[in-house]
Amino acid sequence: MKNSNKFAWTWKIKEEDLEEYVELHLNPWSEMMEEHSKAGIKNYSIFQNGNQFFYCFECDDVEAAFEYIAQSEECNNWNAITSQMVEGSFDFNEAEPIKPMREVFYLK
């Protein structure tokens, strides 16, 4: 099977931060959105099921995109807020917080 250029993962958000996390994503900062676009991320969606969130975006070079975002002041400011809301680690030097999900089906 040929894979798409999609990247997906899932996180759980602490119950006490759920409302604020959703509100932040319903009204994201325009500068942070622009930085994701400049990084090459497109068609980015987040879906919610209780306190579990599923993230999926398309990108030609995920490593380069993550490097760009790591250098972005706006994205670092955003992550400083949202990282406190995620259950578990948010250390980008570990396999978590973003552990890619395996794509097992792709309909072009």
Protein backbone atom coordinates (compact mmCIF):
# COMPACT_ATOMS: atom_id res chain seq x y z
CA MET A 1 0.00 0.00 0.00
CA LYS A 2 1.25 3.44 -0.87
CA ASN A 3 1.04 5.84 2.07
CA SER A 4 -0.35 9.33 1.91
CA ASN A 5 1.56 12.35 3.15
CA LYS A 6 -0.65 12.49 6.25
CA PHE A 7 0.64 12.52 9.81
CA ALA A 8 -1.59 11.61 12.76
CA TRP A 9 -1.41 11.15 16.52
CA THR A 10 -3.66 11.22 19.54
CA TRP A 11 -3.48 12.90 22.93
CA LYS A 12 -5.56 13.02 26.06
CA ILE A 13 -6.20 16.37 27.69
CA LYS A 14 -6.53 16.75 31.45
CA GLU A 15 -10.21 16.96 32.40
CA GLU A 16 -9.69 20.21 34.31
CA ASP A 17 -8.20 21.86 31.17
CA LEU A 18 -10.65 20.49 28.63
CA GLU A 19 -12.84 23.57 28.23
CA GLU A 20 -9.87 25.95 27.86
CA TYR A 21 -8.09 23.61 25.42
CA VAL A 22 -11.14 23.42 23.18
CA GLU A 23 -11.67 27.20 23.37
CA LEU A 24 -8.05 27.83 22.35
CA HIS A 25 -8.49 25.62 19.30
CA LEU A 26 -11.84 27.12 18.35
CA ASN A 27 -10.14 30.53 18.34
CA PRO A 28 -6.47 29.92 17.48
CA TRP A 29 -3.97 32.75 17.22
CA SER A 30 -3.63 33.87 13.59
CA GLU A 31 0.17 34.15 13.94
CA MET A 32 0.42 30.56 15.11
CA MET A 33 -1.73 29.42 12.20
CA GLU A 34 0.50 31.31 9.76
CA GLU A 35 3.60 29.65 11.22
CA HIS A 36 2.11 26.19 10.67
CA SER A 37 1.38 27.10 7.05
CA LYS A 38 4.92 28.42 6.57
CA ALA A 39 6.22 25.14 8.01
CA GLY A 40 4.45 23.28 5.19
CA ILE A 41 1.57 21.90 7.23
CA LYS A 42 -1.78 21.83 5.46
CA ASN A 43 -5.22 20.29 5.84
CA TYR A 44 -4.75 20.13 9.61
CA SER A 45 -7.74 18.79 11.54
CA ILE A 46 -8.35 17.99 15.19
CA PHE A 47 -11.23 15.79 16.30
CA GLN A 48 -12.50 15.39 19.87
CA ASN A 49 -13.95 12.38 21.67
CA GLY A 50 -14.35 13.32 25.34
CA ASN A 51 -10.87 14.24 26.54
CA GLN A 52 -9.15 12.35 23.72
CA PHE A 53 -8.13 14.31 20.63
CA PHE A 54 -7.11 12.98 17.22
CA TYR A 55 -4.79 15.18 15.16
CA CYS A 56 -4.15 14.78 11.44
CA PHE A 57 -2.39 16.95 8.89
CA GLU A 58 -0.67 16.69 5.54
CA CYS A 59 2.96 17.63 5.06
CA ASP A 60 5.69 16.78 2.56
CA ASP A 61 8.48 16.90 5.17
CA VAL A 62 7.30 16.43 8.77
CA GLU A 63 10.80 16.65 10.27
CA ALA A 64 11.47 19.99 8.56
CA ALA A 65 8.04 21.26 9.62
CA PHE A 66 8.65 20.32 13.27
CA GLU A 67 12.10 21.97 13.13
CA TYR A 68 10.51 25.16 11.79
CA ILE A 69 7.85 25.13 14.49
CA ALA A 70 10.46 24.52 17.20
CA GLN A 71 12.13 27.79 16.15
CA SER A 72 8.88 29.77 16.05
CA GLU A 73 8.31 32.15 18.95
CA GLU A 74 4.53 32.12 18.38
CA CYS A 75 4.38 28.32 18.35
CA ASN A 76 6.59 28.10 21.44
CA ASN A 77 4.27 30.52 23.24
CA TRP A 78 1.25 28.44 22.21
CA ASN A 79 2.97 25.20 23.28
CA ALA A 80 3.90 26.71 26.65
CA ILE A 81 0.18 27.02 27.35
CA THR A 82 -1.17 23.85 25.75
CA SER A 83 1.64 21.55 26.92
CA GLN A 84 0.44 21.97 30.49
CA MET A 85 -2.97 20.61 29.43
CA VAL A 86 -1.75 17.33 27.89
CA GLU A 87 -1.71 14.15 29.96
CA GLY A 88 1.82 12.74 30.10
CA SER A 89 5.04 14.11 28.67
CA PHE A 90 5.35 17.05 26.31
CA ASP A 91 9.13 16.74 25.83
CA PHE A 92 9.89 16.79 22.11
CA ASN A 93 13.16 14.95 22.80
CA GLU A 94 11.21 11.84 23.82
CA ALA A 95 9.05 9.52 21.72
CA GLU A 96 6.12 11.28 23.32
CA PRO A 97 4.32 13.65 23.16
CA ILE A 98 3.76 13.09 19.47
CA LYS A 99 3.92 9.41 18.68
CA PRO A 100 2.94 8.98 15.02
CA MET A 101 0.10 6.62 14.28
CA ARG A 102 0.61 4.01 11.60
CA GLU A 103 -1.45 4.54 8.47
CA VAL A 104 -3.13 1.27 7.51
CA PHE A 105 -5.58 2.50 4.87
CA TYR A 106 -5.49 5.24 2.26
CA LEU A 107 -8.09 5.89 -0.43
CA LYS A 108 -6.77 8.34 -2.98
